[in-house]
Structures are given as structure tokens and as C-alpha cells.
């Protein structure tokens, strides 16, 4: 896997705003440049779940720290922004979390906004597309759309944390999912240690 230096992080209107914020923080900590796209629905979820009002300053997602030069926030409706082009999209497109309506649109070739367009560009250019659905339960239609994306080359990573690390807080659960996202991209992270085999079965 080639080193990841630049990604598109698309956030659509699924519940799970904490996954997007933590993934962004981990990417920046790893020195990865991020083109960030929030849909209108994702901005609403961010406010409802985390009391964060995202206007035009992505620094509000970084616990008050100044936004680094490698972070750019693009309007969801700007279909001509750099993430819409294969010459500027970077190394991977991560959709965290990804609503099922966005999954369906991408699965059937839609590119009506910048998130959908970036995903289509990733697929056509052979770049990594990683999709993090959070919805449950899933209908047959949802499963079919996810299957179509996997067939097209996308990585499907449901926001389903495990418990073998014995999480003690919601933050531990979020870190586990976000650490796995970075692992799938080959990006260094320290919030999800590799499994050491455990203690084995009880005597």
C-alpha cells in the first residue's frame, strides 16, 4: 500500500458525528493533509450530537487549536472544488460517517454534490474509497448498495466497535473505530494497539 499523504474526508448526515471529528484529529496528528466536506445534514448532526456549530472555520473541530495549513473545508455544493478532480483528489476518500442515502447515490453512480463526486472520482481513478455506515438495522436495499460499492472496490467499515480491548468509555469505543479507519489506510495511529493474542481460554 502506498503511503497516504492527502485524503478527502466527507461527512454526510448519519448519526455518529464523533467519528468524523476524531478521525479528522487523528489524520492531522499523523501529518496527513485533509480536504474536508460537510453536508448540510452533517452540520446539523454535528450540532445536535456535539454542540459544535460548523460555519466556515474548521478549527472548531480541533478543541480550539488553530486549523493547520493542511486542512481545507470545502462547500458541499461546490462541484468544481479540487476534490472533484482526479488530478487533485489525493490518495484516498473517507466517508465518515456515511449516510445510507449517500451510499445509495454513490452505488448507482450519482455525483450531484461534492461528497458523491469525490467518491466517484476515487472509484474511477483507482484510489481508496472507505465508507463507514452507522445505520442499523439494514434493509435488503441497503445491503445491496453496500455490496455494489464493495464490488466496485470500496472498503466497507461499519461503525461497529469491538469489546476485546475492554473499553471503559465512549471515547474508547470511538477511538477503536477511528483507529481501524486509519489502519485500513496504512496511516500510523496509536489509539488502537495491535491485538496481542489475549490471555487465552479460561482454565
N, C-alpha and C. Protein backbone atom coordinates (compact mmCIF):
# COMPACT_ATOMS: atom_id res chain seq x y z
N UNK A 1 0.84 -1.20 0.00
CA UNK A 1 0.00 0.00 0.00
C UNK A 1 0.88 1.25 0.00
N UNK A 2 0.60 2.17 -0.91
CA UNK A 2 1.38 3.40 -1.00
C UNK A 2 1.11 4.29 0.21
N UNK A 3 2.09 5.07 0.64
CA UNK A 3 1.87 5.97 1.77
C UNK A 3 0.76 6.97 1.48
N UNK A 4 -0.02 7.28 2.51
CA UNK A 4 -1.12 8.23 2.39
C UNK A 4 -0.63 9.60 2.88
N UNK A 5 -0.69 10.59 2.01
CA UNK A 5 -0.27 11.94 2.36
C UNK A 5 -1.44 12.93 2.37
N UNK A 6 -2.48 12.63 1.59
CA UNK A 6 -3.59 13.57 1.45
C UNK A 6 -4.87 12.79 1.24
N UNK A 7 -5.94 13.16 1.98
CA UNK A 7 -7.22 12.48 1.85
C UNK A 7 -8.35 13.49 1.75
N UNK A 8 -9.46 13.02 1.22
CA UNK A 8 -10.73 13.72 1.32
C UNK A 8 -11.51 13.06 2.44
N UNK A 9 -11.98 13.86 3.39
CA UNK A 9 -12.82 13.35 4.47
C UNK A 9 -14.22 13.93 4.26
N UNK A 10 -15.14 13.10 3.80
CA UNK A 10 -16.51 13.52 3.58
C UNK A 10 -17.39 13.09 4.73
N UNK A 11 -18.22 14.00 5.21
CA UNK A 11 -19.10 13.73 6.35
C UNK A 11 -20.53 13.98 5.91
N UNK A 12 -21.33 12.93 5.86
CA UNK A 12 -22.73 13.09 5.48
C UNK A 12 -23.62 12.93 6.71
N UNK A 13 -24.92 12.97 6.50
CA UNK A 13 -25.82 13.20 7.62
C UNK A 13 -26.23 12.02 8.46
N UNK A 14 -25.35 11.06 8.67
CA UNK A 14 -25.65 9.95 9.57
C UNK A 14 -25.30 10.33 11.00
N UNK A 15 -25.95 9.70 11.95
CA UNK A 15 -25.54 9.86 13.34
C UNK A 15 -24.12 9.32 13.50
N UNK A 16 -23.39 9.89 14.46
CA UNK A 16 -22.00 9.47 14.65
C UNK A 16 -21.03 10.58 14.34
N UNK A 17 -21.42 11.83 14.66
CA UNK A 17 -20.55 12.97 14.41
C UNK A 17 -19.19 12.82 15.09
N UNK A 18 -19.17 12.14 16.22
CA UNK A 18 -17.91 11.96 16.96
C UNK A 18 -16.88 11.18 16.15
N UNK A 19 -17.33 10.28 15.30
CA UNK A 19 -16.39 9.52 14.47
C UNK A 19 -15.67 10.43 13.48
N UNK A 20 -16.43 11.35 12.90
CA UNK A 20 -15.81 12.27 11.93
C UNK A 20 -14.80 13.18 12.61
N UNK A 21 -15.18 13.74 13.76
CA UNK A 21 -14.29 14.67 14.46
C UNK A 21 -13.01 13.96 14.90
N UNK A 22 -13.15 12.77 15.46
CA UNK A 22 -11.96 12.06 15.94
C UNK A 22 -11.08 11.59 14.78
N UNK A 23 -11.69 11.15 13.69
CA UNK A 23 -10.91 10.75 12.53
C UNK A 23 -10.11 11.93 12.00
N UNK A 24 -10.74 13.10 11.94
CA UNK A 24 -10.04 14.30 11.50
C UNK A 24 -8.85 14.59 12.40
N UNK A 25 -9.05 14.55 13.70
CA UNK A 25 -7.96 14.83 14.63
C UNK A 25 -6.80 13.85 14.45
N UNK A 26 -7.11 12.57 14.27
CA UNK A 26 -6.06 11.57 14.10
C UNK A 26 -5.31 11.74 12.78
N UNK A 27 -6.03 12.08 11.72
CA UNK A 27 -5.38 12.30 10.43
C UNK A 27 -4.40 13.46 10.52
N UNK A 28 -4.82 14.55 11.12
CA UNK A 28 -3.95 15.72 11.24
C UNK A 28 -2.76 15.42 12.14
N UNK A 29 -2.98 14.66 13.21
CA UNK A 29 -1.88 14.30 14.10
C UNK A 29 -0.84 13.44 13.39
N UNK A 30 -1.30 12.69 12.36
CA UNK A 30 -0.40 11.84 11.59
C UNK A 30 0.27 12.60 10.44
N UNK A 31 -0.02 13.90 10.33
CA UNK A 31 0.60 14.70 9.30
C UNK A 31 -0.04 14.57 7.93
N UNK A 32 -1.28 14.09 7.89
CA UNK A 32 -1.99 13.92 6.62
C UNK A 32 -2.75 15.20 6.28
N UNK A 33 -2.66 15.65 5.03
CA UNK A 33 -3.46 16.78 4.57
C UNK A 33 -4.90 16.32 4.37
N UNK A 34 -5.85 17.19 4.72
CA UNK A 34 -7.26 16.80 4.67
C UNK A 34 -8.08 17.86 3.94
N UNK A 35 -8.78 17.41 2.89
CA UNK A 35 -9.83 18.20 2.27
C UNK A 35 -11.14 17.75 2.90
N UNK A 36 -11.77 18.62 3.68
CA UNK A 36 -12.92 18.29 4.49
C UNK A 36 -14.21 18.79 3.83
N UNK A 37 -15.21 17.91 3.76
CA UNK A 37 -16.50 18.28 3.18
C UNK A 37 -17.60 17.84 4.15
N UNK A 38 -18.39 18.79 4.60
CA UNK A 38 -19.55 18.51 5.45
C UNK A 38 -20.82 18.81 4.65
N UNK A 39 -21.75 17.86 4.63
CA UNK A 39 -23.05 18.15 4.05
C UNK A 39 -23.86 18.99 5.03
N UNK A 40 -24.94 19.59 4.55
CA UNK A 40 -25.80 20.38 5.44
C UNK A 40 -26.38 19.50 6.54
N UNK A 41 -26.76 18.29 6.19
CA UNK A 41 -27.30 17.38 7.20
C UNK A 41 -26.24 17.01 8.23
N UNK A 42 -25.00 16.84 7.79
CA UNK A 42 -23.92 16.51 8.73
C UNK A 42 -23.64 17.65 9.69
N UNK A 43 -23.76 18.88 9.20
CA UNK A 43 -23.59 20.04 10.09
C UNK A 43 -24.67 20.05 11.16
N UNK A 44 -25.89 19.70 10.77
CA UNK A 44 -26.98 19.65 11.74
C UNK A 44 -26.73 18.57 12.79
N UNK A 45 -26.29 17.39 12.33
CA UNK A 45 -26.00 16.31 13.27
C UNK A 45 -24.86 16.70 14.21
N UNK A 46 -23.85 17.37 13.68
CA UNK A 46 -22.72 17.83 14.50
C UNK A 46 -23.19 18.73 15.63
N UNK A 47 -24.13 19.60 15.34
CA UNK A 47 -24.68 20.49 16.36
C UNK A 47 -25.53 19.71 17.36
N UNK A 48 -26.38 18.82 16.85
CA UNK A 48 -27.30 18.10 17.73
C UNK A 48 -26.59 17.10 18.64
N UNK A 49 -25.50 16.51 18.15
CA UNK A 49 -24.82 15.47 18.92
C UNK A 49 -23.64 15.99 19.74
N UNK A 50 -23.00 17.10 19.28
CA UNK A 50 -21.78 17.56 19.93
C UNK A 50 -21.78 19.04 20.27
N UNK A 51 -22.88 19.73 20.01
CA UNK A 51 -22.99 21.18 20.28
C UNK A 51 -21.90 21.97 19.57
N UNK A 52 -21.49 21.51 18.39
CA UNK A 52 -20.49 22.21 17.59
C UNK A 52 -21.18 22.82 16.38
N UNK A 53 -21.08 24.13 16.24
CA UNK A 53 -21.66 24.80 15.09
C UNK A 53 -20.55 25.08 14.08
N UNK A 54 -20.58 24.36 12.97
CA UNK A 54 -19.55 24.48 11.95
C UNK A 54 -20.02 25.47 10.89
N UNK A 55 -19.37 26.61 10.85
CA UNK A 55 -19.67 27.60 9.83
C UNK A 55 -18.59 27.48 8.75
N UNK A 56 -17.61 28.36 8.73
CA UNK A 56 -16.56 28.28 7.74
C UNK A 56 -15.19 28.07 8.36
N UNK A 57 -15.14 27.82 9.66
CA UNK A 57 -13.86 27.68 10.35
C UNK A 57 -13.71 26.26 10.89
N UNK A 58 -12.93 25.40 10.24
CA UNK A 58 -12.78 24.03 10.71
C UNK A 58 -12.05 23.91 12.03
N UNK A 59 -11.46 25.01 12.52
CA UNK A 59 -10.74 24.95 13.80
C UNK A 59 -11.67 24.59 14.96
N UNK A 60 -12.98 24.81 14.82
CA UNK A 60 -13.90 24.48 15.89
C UNK A 60 -13.95 22.97 16.14
N UNK A 61 -13.43 22.18 15.19
CA UNK A 61 -13.41 20.73 15.35
C UNK A 61 -12.15 20.25 16.06
N UNK A 62 -11.25 21.16 16.38
CA UNK A 62 -9.93 20.78 16.88
C UNK A 62 -9.69 21.24 18.31
N UNK A 63 -10.75 21.28 19.10
CA UNK A 63 -10.63 21.66 20.52
C UNK A 63 -9.96 23.01 20.70
N UNK A 64 -10.32 23.96 19.82
CA UNK A 64 -9.82 25.32 19.96
C UNK A 64 -8.47 25.57 19.35
N UNK A 65 -7.79 24.54 18.86
CA UNK A 65 -6.49 24.74 18.23
C UNK A 65 -6.69 25.37 16.85
N UNK A 66 -5.70 26.10 16.40
CA UNK A 66 -5.77 26.70 15.08
C UNK A 66 -5.74 25.62 14.01
N UNK A 67 -6.52 25.82 12.97
CA UNK A 67 -6.54 24.85 11.87
C UNK A 67 -5.21 24.88 11.14
N UNK A 68 -4.57 23.73 10.94
CA UNK A 68 -3.28 23.70 10.24
C UNK A 68 -3.45 24.03 8.77
N UNK A 69 -2.35 24.35 8.13
CA UNK A 69 -2.38 24.72 6.71
C UNK A 69 -2.86 23.56 5.84
N UNK A 70 -2.68 22.34 6.32
CA UNK A 70 -3.08 21.18 5.54
C UNK A 70 -4.54 20.81 5.64
N UNK A 71 -5.35 21.64 6.30
CA UNK A 71 -6.78 21.37 6.43
C UNK A 71 -7.56 22.42 5.67
N UNK A 72 -8.41 21.95 4.75
CA UNK A 72 -9.24 22.85 3.95
C UNK A 72 -10.68 22.37 4.02
N UNK A 73 -11.61 23.29 4.25
CA UNK A 73 -13.03 22.98 4.31
C UNK A 73 -13.69 23.47 3.03
N UNK A 74 -14.33 22.55 2.29
CA UNK A 74 -14.95 22.87 1.01
C UNK A 74 -16.46 22.82 1.11
N UNK A 75 -17.17 23.72 0.44
CA UNK A 75 -18.64 23.67 0.43
C UNK A 75 -19.16 22.40 -0.24
N UNK A 76 -20.16 21.82 0.36
CA UNK A 76 -20.75 20.58 -0.15
C UNK A 76 -21.31 20.75 -1.56
N UNK A 77 -21.78 21.94 -1.87
CA UNK A 77 -22.41 22.17 -3.17
C UNK A 77 -21.41 22.58 -4.25
N UNK A 78 -20.13 22.77 -3.88
CA UNK A 78 -19.15 23.26 -4.84
C UNK A 78 -18.60 22.10 -5.67
N UNK A 79 -19.29 21.77 -6.73
CA UNK A 79 -18.92 20.62 -7.54
C UNK A 79 -17.65 20.86 -8.34
N UNK A 80 -17.15 22.10 -8.32
CA UNK A 80 -15.90 22.41 -9.01
C UNK A 80 -14.70 22.52 -8.10
N UNK A 81 -14.86 22.22 -6.81
CA UNK A 81 -13.74 22.29 -5.86
C UNK A 81 -12.71 21.20 -6.19
N UNK A 82 -11.47 21.36 -5.73
CA UNK A 82 -10.42 20.39 -6.07
C UNK A 82 -10.77 18.92 -5.82
N UNK A 83 -11.49 18.54 -4.74
CA UNK A 83 -11.80 17.12 -4.56
C UNK A 83 -12.66 16.52 -5.66
N UNK A 84 -13.19 17.35 -6.57
CA UNK A 84 -14.00 16.85 -7.67
C UNK A 84 -13.15 16.38 -8.84
N UNK A 85 -11.83 16.54 -8.76
CA UNK A 85 -10.96 16.22 -9.88
C UNK A 85 -9.97 15.12 -9.53
N UNK A 86 -9.77 14.23 -10.46
CA UNK A 86 -8.80 13.17 -10.25
C UNK A 86 -7.37 13.66 -10.14
N UNK A 87 -7.10 14.87 -10.62
CA UNK A 87 -5.74 15.42 -10.54
C UNK A 87 -5.45 16.05 -9.18
N UNK A 88 -6.48 16.21 -8.35
CA UNK A 88 -6.28 16.91 -7.08
C UNK A 88 -6.86 16.18 -5.88
N UNK A 89 -7.40 15.00 -6.08
CA UNK A 89 -8.17 14.34 -5.02
C UNK A 89 -7.29 13.75 -3.92
N UNK A 90 -6.03 13.55 -4.19
CA UNK A 90 -5.17 12.97 -3.17
C UNK A 90 -5.16 11.45 -3.25
N UNK A 91 -4.93 10.80 -2.10
CA UNK A 91 -4.67 9.37 -2.07
C UNK A 91 -5.88 8.52 -1.70
N UNK A 92 -6.85 9.09 -1.01
CA UNK A 92 -7.99 8.30 -0.55
C UNK A 92 -9.16 9.21 -0.24
N UNK A 93 -10.35 8.63 -0.29
CA UNK A 93 -11.58 9.31 0.11
C UNK A 93 -12.21 8.51 1.24
N UNK A 94 -12.42 9.16 2.37
CA UNK A 94 -13.00 8.53 3.56
C UNK A 94 -14.34 9.19 3.83
N UNK A 95 -15.40 8.40 3.93
CA UNK A 95 -16.73 8.93 4.22
C UNK A 95 -17.12 8.47 5.61
N UNK A 96 -17.01 9.40 6.58
CA UNK A 96 -17.10 9.06 8.00
C UNK A 96 -17.96 10.07 8.74
N UNK A 97 -19.14 9.69 9.25
CA UNK A 97 -19.89 8.51 8.85
C UNK A 97 -20.56 8.77 7.51
N UNK A 98 -21.09 7.72 6.92
CA UNK A 98 -21.72 7.84 5.61
C UNK A 98 -23.19 7.43 5.73
N UNK A 99 -24.07 8.34 5.39
CA UNK A 99 -25.50 8.04 5.45
C UNK A 99 -25.85 7.02 4.38
N UNK A 100 -26.95 6.31 4.60
CA UNK A 100 -27.36 5.31 3.64
C UNK A 100 -27.86 5.93 2.34
N UNK A 101 -28.37 7.15 2.41
CA UNK A 101 -28.78 7.82 1.18
C UNK A 101 -27.56 8.16 0.33
N UNK A 102 -26.46 8.57 0.97
CA UNK A 102 -25.23 8.83 0.24
C UNK A 102 -24.65 7.54 -0.32
N UNK A 103 -24.70 6.47 0.45
CA UNK A 103 -24.23 5.17 -0.03
C UNK A 103 -25.02 4.75 -1.27
N UNK A 104 -26.34 4.92 -1.22
CA UNK A 104 -27.17 4.54 -2.37
C UNK A 104 -26.82 5.38 -3.59
N UNK A 105 -26.64 6.68 -3.39
CA UNK A 105 -26.32 7.56 -4.51
C UNK A 105 -25.01 7.15 -5.17
N UNK A 106 -23.98 6.90 -4.35
CA UNK A 106 -22.67 6.53 -4.90
C UNK A 106 -22.75 5.17 -5.60
N UNK A 107 -23.48 4.24 -4.99
CA UNK A 107 -23.59 2.90 -5.56
C UNK A 107 -24.20 2.91 -6.95
N UNK A 108 -25.06 3.87 -7.21
CA UNK A 108 -25.72 3.94 -8.51
C UNK A 108 -25.19 5.07 -9.38
N UNK A 109 -23.99 5.55 -9.07
CA UNK A 109 -23.28 6.43 -9.97
C UNK A 109 -23.60 7.90 -9.88
N UNK A 110 -24.33 8.34 -8.83
CA UNK A 110 -24.67 9.75 -8.71
C UNK A 110 -23.45 10.57 -8.31
N UNK A 111 -23.41 11.82 -8.80
CA UNK A 111 -22.36 12.76 -8.41
C UNK A 111 -22.98 14.15 -8.32
N UNK A 112 -24.05 14.28 -7.56
CA UNK A 112 -24.82 15.53 -7.51
C UNK A 112 -24.29 16.53 -6.51
N UNK A 113 -23.30 16.15 -5.71
CA UNK A 113 -22.67 17.07 -4.76
C UNK A 113 -21.20 16.67 -4.63
N UNK A 114 -20.45 17.43 -3.84
CA UNK A 114 -19.00 17.23 -3.80
C UNK A 114 -18.61 15.91 -3.14
N UNK A 115 -19.36 15.46 -2.13
CA UNK A 115 -19.04 14.18 -1.50
C UNK A 115 -19.24 13.04 -2.49
N UNK A 116 -20.39 13.03 -3.16
CA UNK A 116 -20.65 11.98 -4.15
C UNK A 116 -19.63 12.03 -5.28
N UNK A 117 -19.31 13.23 -5.75
CA UNK A 117 -18.35 13.37 -6.83
C UNK A 117 -16.97 12.86 -6.42
N UNK A 118 -16.52 13.22 -5.21
CA UNK A 118 -15.21 12.74 -4.75
C UNK A 118 -15.18 11.22 -4.68
N UNK A 119 -16.27 10.62 -4.22
CA UNK A 119 -16.33 9.16 -4.16
C UNK A 119 -16.26 8.54 -5.55
N UNK A 120 -16.98 9.13 -6.50
CA UNK A 120 -16.95 8.61 -7.87
C UNK A 120 -15.56 8.76 -8.48
N UNK A 121 -14.89 9.88 -8.18
CA UNK A 121 -13.53 10.08 -8.68
C UNK A 121 -12.59 9.04 -8.10
N UNK A 122 -12.71 8.75 -6.80
CA UNK A 122 -11.86 7.73 -6.18
C UNK A 122 -12.02 6.39 -6.89
N UNK A 123 -13.26 6.01 -7.18
CA UNK A 123 -13.50 4.73 -7.83
C UNK A 123 -12.93 4.71 -9.25
N UNK A 124 -13.15 5.79 -10.00
CA UNK A 124 -12.70 5.77 -11.39
C UNK A 124 -11.18 5.89 -11.51
N UNK A 125 -10.55 6.53 -10.52
CA UNK A 125 -9.11 6.71 -10.54
C UNK A 125 -8.35 5.57 -9.85
N UNK A 126 -9.10 4.62 -9.30
CA UNK A 126 -8.45 3.51 -8.60
C UNK A 126 -7.86 3.91 -7.26
N UNK A 127 -8.39 4.98 -6.65
CA UNK A 127 -7.95 5.40 -5.32
C UNK A 127 -8.79 4.68 -4.26
N UNK A 128 -8.32 4.68 -3.04
CA UNK A 128 -9.06 4.03 -1.97
C UNK A 128 -10.31 4.83 -1.61
N UNK A 129 -11.44 4.13 -1.55
CA UNK A 129 -12.69 4.69 -1.05
C UNK A 129 -13.09 3.87 0.16
N UNK A 130 -13.17 4.50 1.31
CA UNK A 130 -13.54 3.83 2.56
C UNK A 130 -14.83 4.44 3.08
N UNK A 131 -15.82 3.60 3.30
CA UNK A 131 -17.16 4.05 3.66
C UNK A 131 -17.51 3.50 5.04
N UNK A 132 -17.95 4.39 5.93
CA UNK A 132 -18.28 4.00 7.31
C UNK A 132 -19.78 4.21 7.55
N UNK A 133 -20.60 3.18 7.27
CA UNK A 133 -22.03 3.29 7.58
C UNK A 133 -22.25 3.08 9.07
N UNK A 134 -23.28 3.73 9.62
CA UNK A 134 -23.56 3.56 11.04
C UNK A 134 -24.99 3.07 11.30
N UNK A 135 -25.84 3.13 10.30
CA UNK A 135 -27.26 2.82 10.48
C UNK A 135 -27.49 1.36 10.85
N UNK A 136 -28.58 1.11 11.57
CA UNK A 136 -28.97 -0.25 11.94
C UNK A 136 -30.45 -0.24 12.30
N UNK A 137 -31.22 -1.25 11.89
CA UNK A 137 -30.85 -2.37 11.03
C UNK A 137 -30.75 -1.95 9.57
N UNK A 138 -30.32 -2.88 8.73
CA UNK A 138 -30.16 -2.61 7.30
C UNK A 138 -31.24 -3.36 6.52
N UNK A 139 -31.82 -2.66 5.56
CA UNK A 139 -32.78 -3.32 4.67
C UNK A 139 -32.04 -4.05 3.56
N UNK A 140 -32.77 -4.83 2.78
CA UNK A 140 -32.15 -5.52 1.65
C UNK A 140 -31.60 -4.51 0.65
N UNK A 141 -32.28 -3.38 0.49
CA UNK A 141 -31.79 -2.34 -0.41
C UNK A 141 -30.45 -1.80 0.07
N UNK A 142 -30.33 -1.56 1.39
CA UNK A 142 -29.08 -1.06 1.93
C UNK A 142 -27.95 -2.05 1.70
N UNK A 143 -28.22 -3.31 1.98
CA UNK A 143 -27.20 -4.35 1.81
C UNK A 143 -26.78 -4.46 0.35
N UNK A 144 -27.77 -4.33 -0.55
CA UNK A 144 -27.46 -4.38 -1.98
C UNK A 144 -26.54 -3.22 -2.37
N UNK A 145 -26.82 -2.03 -1.87
CA UNK A 145 -25.98 -0.87 -2.20
C UNK A 145 -24.58 -1.04 -1.66
N UNK A 146 -24.45 -1.52 -0.43
CA UNK A 146 -23.13 -1.76 0.15
C UNK A 146 -22.37 -2.82 -0.65
N UNK A 147 -23.09 -3.84 -1.09
CA UNK A 147 -22.47 -4.88 -1.90
C UNK A 147 -21.97 -4.32 -3.23
N UNK A 148 -22.76 -3.44 -3.85
CA UNK A 148 -22.34 -2.82 -5.11
C UNK A 148 -21.07 -1.99 -4.92
N UNK A 149 -20.99 -1.26 -3.80
CA UNK A 149 -19.79 -0.47 -3.53
C UNK A 149 -18.57 -1.37 -3.29
N UNK A 150 -18.78 -2.44 -2.54
CA UNK A 150 -17.66 -3.37 -2.31
C UNK A 150 -17.21 -4.00 -3.63
N UNK A 151 -18.15 -4.35 -4.48
CA UNK A 151 -17.83 -4.91 -5.79
C UNK A 151 -17.04 -3.91 -6.64
N UNK A 152 -17.36 -2.61 -6.48
CA UNK A 152 -16.67 -1.56 -7.24
C UNK A 152 -15.29 -1.24 -6.69
N UNK A 153 -14.96 -1.78 -5.52
CA UNK A 153 -13.63 -1.58 -4.97
C UNK A 153 -13.57 -0.82 -3.66
N UNK A 154 -14.71 -0.40 -3.12
CA UNK A 154 -14.72 0.34 -1.86
C UNK A 154 -14.48 -0.60 -0.67
N UNK A 155 -13.93 -0.05 0.38
CA UNK A 155 -13.82 -0.74 1.66
C UNK A 155 -15.00 -0.32 2.53
N UNK A 156 -15.75 -1.29 3.03
CA UNK A 156 -16.91 -1.02 3.88
C UNK A 156 -16.50 -1.30 5.32
N UNK A 157 -16.50 -0.26 6.15
CA UNK A 157 -16.07 -0.40 7.54
C UNK A 157 -17.20 0.11 8.44
N UNK A 158 -18.12 -0.76 8.83
CA UNK A 158 -19.23 -0.30 9.69
C UNK A 158 -18.71 0.23 11.03
N UNK A 159 -19.39 1.21 11.56
CA UNK A 159 -19.02 1.77 12.87
C UNK A 159 -19.49 0.82 13.96
N UNK A 160 -18.79 -0.31 14.07
CA UNK A 160 -19.17 -1.38 15.00
C UNK A 160 -17.97 -1.73 15.86
N UNK A 161 -17.74 -1.00 16.94
CA UNK A 161 -16.57 -1.26 17.78
C UNK A 161 -16.67 -2.62 18.47
N UNK A 162 -15.52 -3.23 18.66
CA UNK A 162 -15.46 -4.48 19.41
C UNK A 162 -15.22 -4.21 20.89
N UNK A 163 -15.17 -5.27 21.66
CA UNK A 163 -15.03 -5.12 23.10
C UNK A 163 -13.84 -5.90 23.67
N UNK A 164 -13.03 -6.49 22.78
CA UNK A 164 -11.89 -7.26 23.27
C UNK A 164 -10.81 -6.38 23.89
N UNK A 165 -10.83 -5.07 23.60
CA UNK A 165 -9.89 -4.14 24.24
C UNK A 165 -10.41 -3.64 25.58
N UNK A 166 -11.58 -4.13 25.98
CA UNK A 166 -12.21 -3.74 27.26
C UNK A 166 -12.36 -2.23 27.39
N UNK A 167 -13.14 -1.61 26.50
CA UNK A 167 -13.32 -0.16 26.55
C UNK A 167 -13.97 0.27 27.87
N UNK A 168 -13.51 1.43 28.37
CA UNK A 168 -14.02 1.97 29.63
C UNK A 168 -14.89 3.20 29.43
N UNK A 169 -14.99 3.69 28.20
CA UNK A 169 -15.73 4.92 27.95
C UNK A 169 -16.19 4.96 26.49
N UNK A 170 -17.07 5.91 26.20
CA UNK A 170 -17.49 6.12 24.81
C UNK A 170 -16.28 6.51 23.97
N UNK A 171 -15.39 7.32 24.54
CA UNK A 171 -14.19 7.73 23.81
C UNK A 171 -13.35 6.53 23.39
N UNK A 172 -13.28 5.50 24.24
CA UNK A 172 -12.54 4.29 23.88
C UNK A 172 -13.17 3.60 22.67
N UNK A 173 -14.51 3.55 22.65
CA UNK A 173 -15.22 2.93 21.53
C UNK A 173 -15.00 3.71 20.24
N UNK A 174 -15.07 5.03 20.34
CA UNK A 174 -14.84 5.88 19.17
C UNK A 174 -13.42 5.71 18.67
N UNK A 175 -12.46 5.71 19.58
CA UNK A 175 -11.06 5.55 19.19
C UNK A 175 -10.82 4.22 18.48
N UNK A 176 -11.52 3.18 18.91
CA UNK A 176 -11.33 1.88 18.28
C UNK A 176 -11.76 1.91 16.81
N UNK A 177 -12.92 2.51 16.53
CA UNK A 177 -13.39 2.61 15.15
C UNK A 177 -12.46 3.50 14.33
N UNK A 178 -12.10 4.65 14.88
CA UNK A 178 -11.29 5.60 14.13
C UNK A 178 -9.87 5.08 13.93
N UNK A 179 -9.35 4.37 14.92
CA UNK A 179 -8.05 3.75 14.75
C UNK A 179 -8.06 2.71 13.65
N UNK A 180 -9.17 1.97 13.54
CA UNK A 180 -9.29 0.97 12.48
C UNK A 180 -9.37 1.63 11.12
N UNK A 181 -10.03 2.79 11.05
CA UNK A 181 -10.10 3.54 9.79
C UNK A 181 -8.69 3.88 9.32
N UNK A 182 -7.87 4.42 10.22
CA UNK A 182 -6.50 4.76 9.84
C UNK A 182 -5.69 3.52 9.50
N UNK A 183 -5.89 2.44 10.25
CA UNK A 183 -5.18 1.20 9.94
C UNK A 183 -5.47 0.72 8.52
N UNK A 184 -6.73 0.81 8.12
CA UNK A 184 -7.12 0.36 6.78
C UNK A 184 -6.46 1.19 5.69
N UNK A 185 -6.06 2.41 6.03
CA UNK A 185 -5.39 3.28 5.07
C UNK A 185 -3.88 3.22 5.20
N UNK A 186 -3.38 2.43 6.14
CA UNK A 186 -1.94 2.35 6.34
C UNK A 186 -1.35 3.59 6.98
N UNK A 187 -2.16 4.30 7.76
CA UNK A 187 -1.71 5.52 8.43
C UNK A 187 -1.40 5.22 9.89
N UNK A 188 -0.26 5.67 10.35
CA UNK A 188 0.16 5.41 11.72
C UNK A 188 -0.81 6.02 12.72
N UNK A 189 -1.17 5.25 13.74
CA UNK A 189 -2.04 5.74 14.81
C UNK A 189 -1.68 4.98 16.08
N UNK A 190 -2.04 5.56 17.24
CA UNK A 190 -1.69 4.91 18.49
C UNK A 190 -2.87 4.72 19.42
N UNK A 191 -4.10 4.84 18.87
CA UNK A 191 -5.26 4.68 19.75
C UNK A 191 -5.88 3.28 19.64
N UNK A 192 -5.40 2.45 18.73
CA UNK A 192 -5.87 1.07 18.63
C UNK A 192 -4.65 0.17 18.54
N UNK A 193 -4.17 -0.33 19.68
CA UNK A 193 -2.98 -1.18 19.65
C UNK A 193 -3.27 -2.50 18.95
N UNK A 194 -2.25 -3.10 18.32
CA UNK A 194 -2.47 -4.40 17.69
C UNK A 194 -2.82 -5.47 18.71
N UNK A 195 -3.62 -6.41 18.29
CA UNK A 195 -4.05 -7.49 19.19
C UNK A 195 -2.85 -8.35 19.56
N UNK A 196 -2.71 -8.66 20.85
CA UNK A 196 -1.54 -9.41 21.31
C UNK A 196 -1.85 -10.87 21.60
N UNK A 197 -3.06 -11.31 21.24
CA UNK A 197 -3.42 -12.68 21.47
C UNK A 197 -4.24 -12.93 22.72
N UNK A 198 -4.32 -11.93 23.60
CA UNK A 198 -5.14 -12.08 24.79
C UNK A 198 -4.54 -13.04 25.79
N UNK A 199 -5.35 -13.46 26.75
CA UNK A 199 -4.87 -14.34 27.81
C UNK A 199 -5.26 -15.79 27.56
N UNK A 200 -5.95 -16.07 26.48
CA UNK A 200 -6.33 -17.44 26.18
C UNK A 200 -7.56 -17.89 26.94
N UNK A 201 -8.03 -19.11 26.69
CA UNK A 201 -9.26 -19.61 27.34
C UNK A 201 -9.09 -19.80 28.83
N UNK A 202 -10.20 -19.74 29.53
CA UNK A 202 -10.16 -19.96 30.97
C UNK A 202 -9.81 -21.43 31.25
N UNK A 203 -9.06 -21.63 32.33
CA UNK A 203 -8.65 -22.99 32.70
C UNK A 203 -9.85 -23.75 33.24
